[in-house]
PDB file of N, CA and C in Angstrom:
ATOM      1  N   MET A   1      95.720 110.767  86.558  1.00  0.00           N
ATOM      2  CA  MET A   1      96.390 109.665  87.230  1.00  0.00           C
ATOM      3  C   MET A   1      96.466 109.942  88.722  1.00  0.00           C
ATOM      4  N   ASN A   2      96.123 108.953  89.519  1.00  0.00           N
ATOM      5  CA  ASN A   2      96.213 109.091  90.971  1.00  0.00           C
ATOM      6  C   ASN A   2      97.647 108.915  91.423  1.00  0.00           C
ATOM      7  N   LYS A   3      97.973 109.599  92.495  1.00  0.00           N
ATOM      8  CA  LYS A   3      99.302 109.469  93.079  1.00  0.00           C
ATOM      9  C   LYS A   3      99.298 108.401  94.159  1.00  0.00           C
ATOM     10  N   SER A   4     100.483 107.847  94.411  1.00  0.00           N
ATOM     11  CA  SER A   4     100.687 107.031  95.596  1.00  0.00           C
ATOM     12  C   SER A   4     100.787 107.993  96.773  1.00  0.00           C
ATOM     13  N   ILE A   5     100.517 107.488  97.972  1.00  0.00           N
ATOM     14  CA  ILE A   5     100.671 108.310  99.175  1.00  0.00           C
ATOM     15  C   ILE A   5     101.673 107.615 100.082  1.00  0.00           C
ATOM     16  N   PHE A   6     102.714 108.327 100.463  1.00  0.00           N
ATOM     17  CA  PHE A   6     103.742 107.803 101.351  1.00  0.00           C
ATOM     18  C   PHE A   6     103.537 108.419 102.725  1.00  0.00           C
ATOM     19  N   TYR A   7     103.163 107.577 103.681  1.00  0.00           N
ATOM     20  CA  TYR A   7     102.945 108.026 105.052  1.00  0.00           C
ATOM     21  C   TYR A   7     104.184 107.722 105.882  1.00  0.00           C
ATOM     22  N   HIS A   8     104.595 108.690 106.685  1.00  0.00           N
ATOM     23  CA  HIS A   8     105.691 108.450 107.615  1.00  0.00           C
ATOM     24  C   HIS A   8     105.528 109.333 108.841  1.00  0.00           C
ATOM     25  N   ALA A   9     106.393 109.119 109.829  1.00  0.00           N
ATOM     26  CA  ALA A   9     106.261 109.843 111.093  1.00  0.00           C
ATOM     27  C   ALA A   9     107.441 110.763 111.381  1.00  0.00           C
ATOM     28  N   GLY A  10     108.341 110.922 110.435  1.00  0.00           N
ATOM     29  CA  GLY A  10     109.440 111.861 110.595  1.00  0.00           C
ATOM     30  C   GLY A  10     110.697 111.291 111.226  1.00  0.00           C
ATOM     31  N   CYS A  11     110.701 110.016 111.586  1.00  0.00           N
ATOM     32  CA  CYS A  11     111.896 109.415 112.196  1.00  0.00           C
ATOM     33  C   CYS A  11     112.965 109.216 111.117  1.00  0.00           C
ATOM     34  N   PRO A  12     114.220 108.980 111.510  1.00  0.00           N
ATOM     35  CA  PRO A  12     115.280 108.799 110.517  1.00  0.00           C
ATOM     36  C   PRO A  12     115.011 107.656 109.527  1.00  0.00           C
ATOM     37  N   VAL A  13     114.440 106.548 109.987  1.00  0.00           N
ATOM     38  CA  VAL A  13     114.097 105.441 109.085  1.00  0.00           C
ATOM     39  C   VAL A  13     113.099 105.921 108.044  1.00  0.00           C
ATOM     40  N   CYS A  14     112.092 106.676 108.492  1.00  0.00           N
ATOM     41  CA  CYS A  14     111.043 107.167 107.593  1.00  0.00           C
ATOM     42  C   CYS A  14     111.585 108.168 106.577  1.00  0.00           C
ATOM     43  N   VAL A  15     112.417 109.080 107.037  1.00  0.00           N
ATOM     44  CA  VAL A  15     112.961 110.108 106.147  1.00  0.00           C
ATOM     45  C   VAL A  15     113.855 109.469 105.089  1.00  0.00           C
ATOM     46  N   SER A  16     114.651 108.494 105.481  1.00  0.00           N
ATOM     47  CA  SER A  16     115.497 107.781 104.523  1.00  0.00           C
ATOM     48  C   SER A  16     114.642 107.059 103.481  1.00  0.00           C
ATOM     49  N   ALA A  17     113.588 106.387 103.941  1.00  0.00           N
ATOM     50  CA  ALA A  17     112.688 105.695 103.015  1.00  0.00           C
ATOM     51  C   ALA A  17     111.987 106.687 102.087  1.00  0.00           C
ATOM     52  N   GLU A  18     111.593 107.838 102.631  1.00  0.00           N
ATOM     53  CA  GLU A  18     110.953 108.878 101.806  1.00  0.00           C
ATOM     54  C   GLU A  18     111.863 109.288 100.663  1.00  0.00           C
ATOM     55  N   GLN A  19     113.123 109.536 100.966  1.00  0.00           N
ATOM     56  CA  GLN A  19     114.065 109.953  99.930  1.00  0.00           C
ATOM     57  C   GLN A  19     114.191 108.888  98.843  1.00  0.00           C
ATOM     58  N   ASP A  20     114.252 107.629  99.246  1.00  0.00           N
ATOM     59  CA  ASP A  20     114.366 106.546  98.271  1.00  0.00           C
ATOM     60  C   ASP A  20     113.105 106.414  97.423  1.00  0.00           C
ATOM     61  N   ILE A  21     111.936 106.518  98.054  1.00  0.00           N
ATOM     62  CA  ILE A  21     110.672 106.404  97.317  1.00  0.00           C
ATOM     63  C   ILE A  21     110.554 107.523  96.285  1.00  0.00           C
ATOM     64  N   VAL A  22     110.872 108.744  96.689  1.00  0.00           N
ATOM     65  CA  VAL A  22     110.785 109.880  95.764  1.00  0.00           C
ATOM     66  C   VAL A  22     111.740 109.680  94.591  1.00  0.00           C
ATOM     67  N   LYS A  23     112.941 109.165  94.859  1.00  0.00           N
ATOM     68  CA  LYS A  23     113.896 108.901  93.772  1.00  0.00           C
ATOM     69  C   LYS A  23     113.370 107.809  92.839  1.00  0.00           C
ATOM     70  N   LEU A  24     112.760 106.782  93.413  1.00  0.00           N
ATOM     71  CA  LEU A  24     112.300 105.644  92.615  1.00  0.00           C
ATOM     72  C   LEU A  24     111.097 105.959  91.737  1.00  0.00           C
ATOM     73  N   ILE A  25     110.090 106.628  92.311  1.00  0.00           N
ATOM     74  CA  ILE A  25     108.858 106.821  91.536  1.00  0.00           C
ATOM     75  C   ILE A  25     108.619 108.259  91.109  1.00  0.00           C
ATOM     76  N   GLY A  26     109.453 109.179  91.604  1.00  0.00           N
ATOM     77  CA  GLY A  26     109.349 110.571  91.194  1.00  0.00           C
ATOM     78  C   GLY A  26     108.414 111.387  92.065  1.00  0.00           C
ATOM     79  N   ALA A  27     108.837 112.599  92.379  1.00  0.00           N
ATOM     80  CA  ALA A  27     108.069 113.481  93.263  1.00  0.00           C
ATOM     81  C   ALA A  27     106.675 113.779  92.717  1.00  0.00           C
ATOM     82  N   ALA A  28     106.524 113.791  91.400  1.00  0.00           N
ATOM     83  CA  ALA A  28     105.224 114.092  90.799  1.00  0.00           C
ATOM     84  C   ALA A  28     104.230 112.943  90.964  1.00  0.00           C
ATOM     85  N   ASN A  29     104.740 111.760  91.342  1.00  0.00           N
ATOM     86  CA  ASN A  29     103.885 110.577  91.433  1.00  0.00           C
ATOM     87  C   ASN A  29     103.563 110.151  92.858  1.00  0.00           C
ATOM     88  N   VAL A  30     104.019 110.908  93.828  1.00  0.00           N
ATOM     89  CA  VAL A  30     103.803 110.520  95.220  1.00  0.00           C
ATOM     90  C   VAL A  30     103.497 111.747  96.074  1.00  0.00           C
ATOM     91  N   GLU A  31     102.514 111.599  96.947  1.00  0.00           N
ATOM     92  CA  GLU A  31     102.221 112.618  97.952  1.00  0.00           C
ATOM     93  C   GLU A  31     102.852 112.129  99.251  1.00  0.00           C
ATOM     94  N   VAL A  32     103.687 112.949  99.855  1.00  0.00           N
ATOM     95  CA  VAL A  32     104.344 112.583 101.103  1.00  0.00           C
ATOM     96  C   VAL A  32     103.567 113.201 102.257  1.00  0.00           C
ATOM     97  N   VAL A  33     103.195 112.356 103.222  1.00  0.00           N
ATOM     98  CA  VAL A  33     102.431 112.810 104.383  1.00  0.00           C
ATOM     99  C   VAL A  33     103.186 112.420 105.640  1.00  0.00           C
ATOM    100  N   ASN A  34     103.643 113.424 106.374  1.00  0.00           N
ATOM    101  CA  ASN A  34     104.299 113.196 107.657  1.00  0.00           C
ATOM    102  C   ASN A  34     103.211 113.265 108.731  1.00  0.00           C
ATOM    103  N   ILE A  35     102.744 112.087 109.167  1.00  0.00           N
ATOM    104  CA  ILE A  35     101.657 112.069 110.148  1.00  0.00           C
ATOM    105  C   ILE A  35     102.148 112.421 111.548  1.00  0.00           C
ATOM    106  N   GLY A  36     103.457 112.530 111.717  1.00  0.00           N
ATOM    107  CA  GLY A  36     103.990 113.053 112.968  1.00  0.00           C
ATOM    108  C   GLY A  36     103.687 114.538 113.099  1.00  0.00           C
ATOM    109  N   GLN A  37     103.637 115.217 111.970  1.00  0.00           N
ATOM    110  CA  GLN A  37     103.322 116.648 111.945  1.00  0.00           C
ATOM    111  C   GLN A  37     101.860 116.901 111.599  1.00  0.00           C
ATOM    112  N   ASP A  38     101.308 116.125 110.697  1.00  0.00           N
ATOM    113  CA  ASP A  38      99.927 116.302 110.253  1.00  0.00           C
ATOM    114  C   ASP A  38      99.061 115.191 110.850  1.00  0.00           C
ATOM    115  N   ARG A  39      98.843 115.283 112.148  1.00  0.00           N
ATOM    116  CA  ARG A  39      98.167 114.229 112.897  1.00  0.00           C
ATOM    117  C   ARG A  39      96.715 114.032 112.465  1.00  0.00           C
ATOM    118  N   GLY A  40      96.149 115.007 111.818  1.00  0.00           N
ATOM    119  CA  GLY A  40      94.785 114.901 111.332  1.00  0.00           C
ATOM    120  C   GLY A  40      94.620 113.855 110.233  1.00  0.00           C
ATOM    121  N   ARG A  41      95.736 113.366 109.697  1.00  0.00           N
ATOM    122  CA  ARG A  41      95.662 112.373 108.616  1.00  0.00           C
ATOM    123  C   ARG A  41      95.938 110.951 109.097  1.00  0.00           C
ATOM    124  N   ILE A  42      96.082 110.771 110.416  1.00  0.00           N
ATOM    125  CA  ILE A  42      96.317 109.433 110.965  1.00  0.00           C
ATOM    126  C   ILE A  42      95.144 108.509 110.644  1.00  0.00           C
ATOM    127  N   ALA A  43      93.925 108.962 110.869  1.00  0.00           N
ATOM    128  CA  ALA A  43      92.742 108.131 110.588  1.00  0.00           C
ATOM    129  C   ALA A  43      92.683 107.761 109.110  1.00  0.00           C
ATOM    130  N   GLU A  44      93.026 108.687 108.236  1.00  0.00           N
ATOM    131  CA  GLU A  44      93.059 108.420 106.792  1.00  0.00           C
ATOM    132  C   GLU A  44      94.035 107.280 106.486  1.00  0.00           C
ATOM    133  N   ALA A  45      95.207 107.341 107.087  1.00  0.00           N
ATOM    134  CA  ALA A  45      96.217 106.296 106.877  1.00  0.00           C
ATOM    135  C   ALA A  45      95.704 104.947 107.381  1.00  0.00           C
ATOM    136  N   GLU A  46      95.123 104.936 108.566  1.00  0.00           N
ATOM    137  CA  GLU A  46      94.593 103.697 109.132  1.00  0.00           C
ATOM    138  C   GLU A  46      93.464 103.141 108.270  1.00  0.00           C
ATOM    139  N   ASN A  47      92.586 104.015 107.795  1.00  0.00           N
ATOM    140  CA  ASN A  47      91.483 103.573 106.927  1.00  0.00           C
ATOM    141  C   ASN A  47      91.993 102.989 105.611  1.00  0.00           C
ATOM    142  N   ALA A  48      93.164 103.442 105.172  1.00  0.00           N
ATOM    143  CA  ALA A  48      93.770 102.909 103.944  1.00  0.00           C
ATOM    144  C   ALA A  48      94.441 101.560 104.191  1.00  0.00           C
ATOM    145  N   GLY A  49      94.609 101.188 105.480  1.00  0.00           N
ATOM    146  CA  GLY A  49      95.220  99.904 105.806  1.00  0.00           C
ATOM    147  C   GLY A  49      96.634  99.986 106.337  1.00  0.00           C
ATOM    148  N   VAL A  50      97.109 101.205 106.602  1.00  0.00           N
ATOM    149  CA  VAL A  50      98.460 101.375 107.124  1.00  0.00           C
ATOM    150  C   VAL A  50      98.507 100.888 108.569  1.00  0.00           C
ATOM    151  N   LYS A  51      99.414  99.951 108.840  1.00  0.00           N
ATOM    152  CA  LYS A  51      99.577  99.382 110.182  1.00  0.00           C
ATOM    153  C   LYS A  51     100.840  99.893 110.864  1.00  0.00           C
ATOM    154  N   SER A  52     101.802 100.325 110.063  1.00  0.00           N
ATOM    155  CA  SER A  52     103.051 100.874 110.572  1.00  0.00           C
ATOM    156  C   SER A  52     103.601 101.830 109.524  1.00  0.00           C
ATOM    157  N   VAL A  53     104.479 102.692 109.967  1.00  0.00           N
ATOM    158  CA  VAL A  53     105.127 103.623 109.044  1.00  0.00           C
ATOM    159  C   VAL A  53     106.623 103.358 109.055  1.00  0.00           C
ATOM    160  N   PRO A  54     107.282 103.601 107.954  1.00  0.00           N
ATOM    161  CA  PRO A  54     106.798 104.161 106.702  1.00  0.00           C
ATOM    162  C   PRO A  54     105.987 103.155 105.888  1.00  0.00           C
ATOM    163  N   ALA A  55     105.040 103.686 105.132  1.00  0.00           N
ATOM    164  CA  ALA A  55     104.203 102.851 104.272  1.00  0.00           C
ATOM    165  C   ALA A  55     103.800 103.637 103.030  1.00  0.00           C
ATOM    166  N   LEU A  56     103.698 102.919 101.933  1.00  0.00           N
ATOM    167  CA  LEU A  56     103.284 103.510 100.668  1.00  0.00           C
ATOM    168  C   LEU A  56     101.950 102.902 100.269  1.00  0.00           C
ATOM    169  N   VAL A  57     100.963 103.753 100.022  1.00  0.00           N
ATOM    170  CA  VAL A  57      99.666 103.302  99.534  1.00  0.00           C
ATOM    171  C   VAL A  57      99.634 103.616  98.039  1.00  0.00           C
ATOM    172  N   THR A  58      99.468 102.571  97.244  1.00  0.00           N
ATOM    173  CA  THR A  58      99.487 102.740  95.788  1.00  0.00           C
ATOM    174  C   THR A  58      98.141 103.278  95.302  1.00  0.00           C
ATOM    175  N   PRO A  59      98.093 103.785  94.075  1.00  0.00           N
ATOM    176  CA  PRO A  59      96.820 104.269  93.532  1.00  0.00           C
ATOM    177  C   PRO A  59      95.724 103.207  93.517  1.00  0.00           C
ATOM    178  N   ASP A  60      96.101 101.935  93.460  1.00  0.00           N
ATOM    179  CA  ASP A  60      95.123 100.838  93.476  1.00  0.00           C
ATOM    180  C   ASP A  60      94.701 100.451  94.887  1.00  0.00           C
ATOM    181  N   GLY A  61      95.274 101.111  95.903  1.00  0.00           N
ATOM    182  CA  GLY A  61      94.893 100.835  97.287  1.00  0.00           C
ATOM    183  C   GLY A  61      95.737  99.788  97.993  1.00  0.00           C
ATOM    184  N   ASN A  62      96.777  99.292  97.342  1.00  0.00           N
ATOM    185  CA  ASN A  62      97.674  98.353  98.001  1.00  0.00           C
ATOM    186  C   ASN A  62      98.563  99.100  98.990  1.00  0.00           C
ATOM    187  N   VAL A  63      98.783  98.501 100.158  1.00  0.00           N
ATOM    188  CA  VAL A  63      99.625  99.117 101.181  1.00  0.00           C
ATOM    189  C   VAL A  63     100.943  98.361 101.239  1.00  0.00           C
ATOM    190  N   LEU A  64     102.019  99.075 101.008  1.00  0.00           N
ATOM    191  CA  LEU A  64     103.352  98.495 101.060  1.00  0.00           C
ATOM    192  C   LEU A  64     104.054  99.025 102.308  1.00  0.00           C
ATOM    193  N   HIS A  65     104.187  98.172 103.314  1.00  0.00           N
ATOM    194  CA  HIS A  65     104.875  98.564 104.543  1.00  0.00           C
ATOM    195  C   HIS A  65     106.373  98.424 104.310  1.00  0.00           C
ATOM    196  N   ILE A  66     107.105  99.484 104.601  1.00  0.00           N
ATOM    197  CA  ILE A  66     108.516  99.565 104.242  1.00  0.00           C
ATOM    198  C   ILE A  66     109.372  99.732 105.493  1.00  0.00           C
ATOM    199  N   ASN A  67     110.325  98.836 105.687  1.00  0.00           N
ATOM    200  CA  ASN A  67     111.378  99.037 106.684  1.00  0.00           C
ATOM    201  C   ASN A  67     110.832  99.582 107.998  1.00  0.00           C
ATOM    202  N   PHE A  68     110.172  98.762 108.773  1.00  0.00           N
ATOM    203  CA  PHE A  68     109.449  99.147 109.991  1.00  0.00           C
ATOM    204  C   PHE A  68     110.141 100.267 110.774  1.00  0.00           C
ATOM    205  N   GLY A  69     109.406 101.341 111.000  1.00  0.00           N
ATOM    206  CA  GLY A  69     109.893 102.462 111.796  1.00  0.00           C
ATOM    207  C   GLY A  69     109.091 102.613 113.073  1.00  0.00           C
ATOM    208  N   ALA A  70     107.750 102.558 112.975  1.00  0.00           N
ATOM    209  CA  ALA A  70     106.875 102.709 114.145  1.00  0.00           C
ATOM    210  C   ALA A  70     105.488 102.159 113.839  1.00  0.00           C
ATOM    211  N   ALA A  71     104.894 101.530 114.821  1.00  0.00           N
ATOM    212  CA  ALA A  71     103.513 101.077 114.707  1.00  0.00           C
ATOM    213  C   ALA A  71     102.584 102.287 114.794  1.00  0.00           C
ATOM    214  N   MET A  72     101.417 102.182 114.190  1.00  0.00           N
ATOM    215  CA  MET A  72     100.454 103.283 114.246  1.00  0.00           C
ATOM    216  C   MET A  72     100.069 103.620 115.674  1.00  0.00           C
ATOM    217  N   ALA A  73      99.980 102.624 116.543  1.00  0.00           N
ATOM    218  CA  ALA A  73      99.651 102.876 117.947  1.00  0.00           C
ATOM    219  C   ALA A  73     100.701 103.774 118.599  1.00  0.00           C
ATOM    220  N   ASP A  74     101.958 103.591 118.220  1.00  0.00           N
ATOM    221  CA  ASP A  74     103.025 104.436 118.756  1.00  0.00           C
ATOM    222  C   ASP A  74     102.932 105.854 118.215  1.00  0.00           C
ATOM    223  N   VAL A  75     102.572 105.985 116.954  1.00  0.00           N
ATOM    224  CA  VAL A  75     102.440 107.297 116.333  1.00  0.00           C
ATOM    225  C   VAL A  75     101.295 108.078 116.988  1.00  0.00           C
ATOM    226  N   LYS A  76     100.200 107.368 117.272  1.00  0.00           N
ATOM    227  CA  LYS A  76      99.036 108.025 117.871  1.00  0.00           C
ATOM    228  C   LYS A  76      99.309 108.444 119.321  1.00  0.00           C
ATOM    229  N   GLY A  77     100.249 107.771 119.953  1.00  0.00           N
ATOM    230  CA  GLY A  77     100.626 108.125 121.326  1.00  0.00           C
ATOM    231  C   GLY A  77      99.684 107.627 122.297  1.00  0.00           C
TER     232      GLY A  77
END
């Protein structure tokens, strides 16, 4: 089974959303990626369709943008 991927940038909005997502779908079902720290995965997030963070990419490739924290352009600097 593929995991969902939760992308965030480490801001308080993102961290709060991360905690809720992990509680809702379980830590075993989601990979958490802090692109504020792991900047090498920004292109991966953009290629998946992430326009802002926090965002959850489902195993089927759907992108769920959650509680706007930052645009990808802001994350990239």
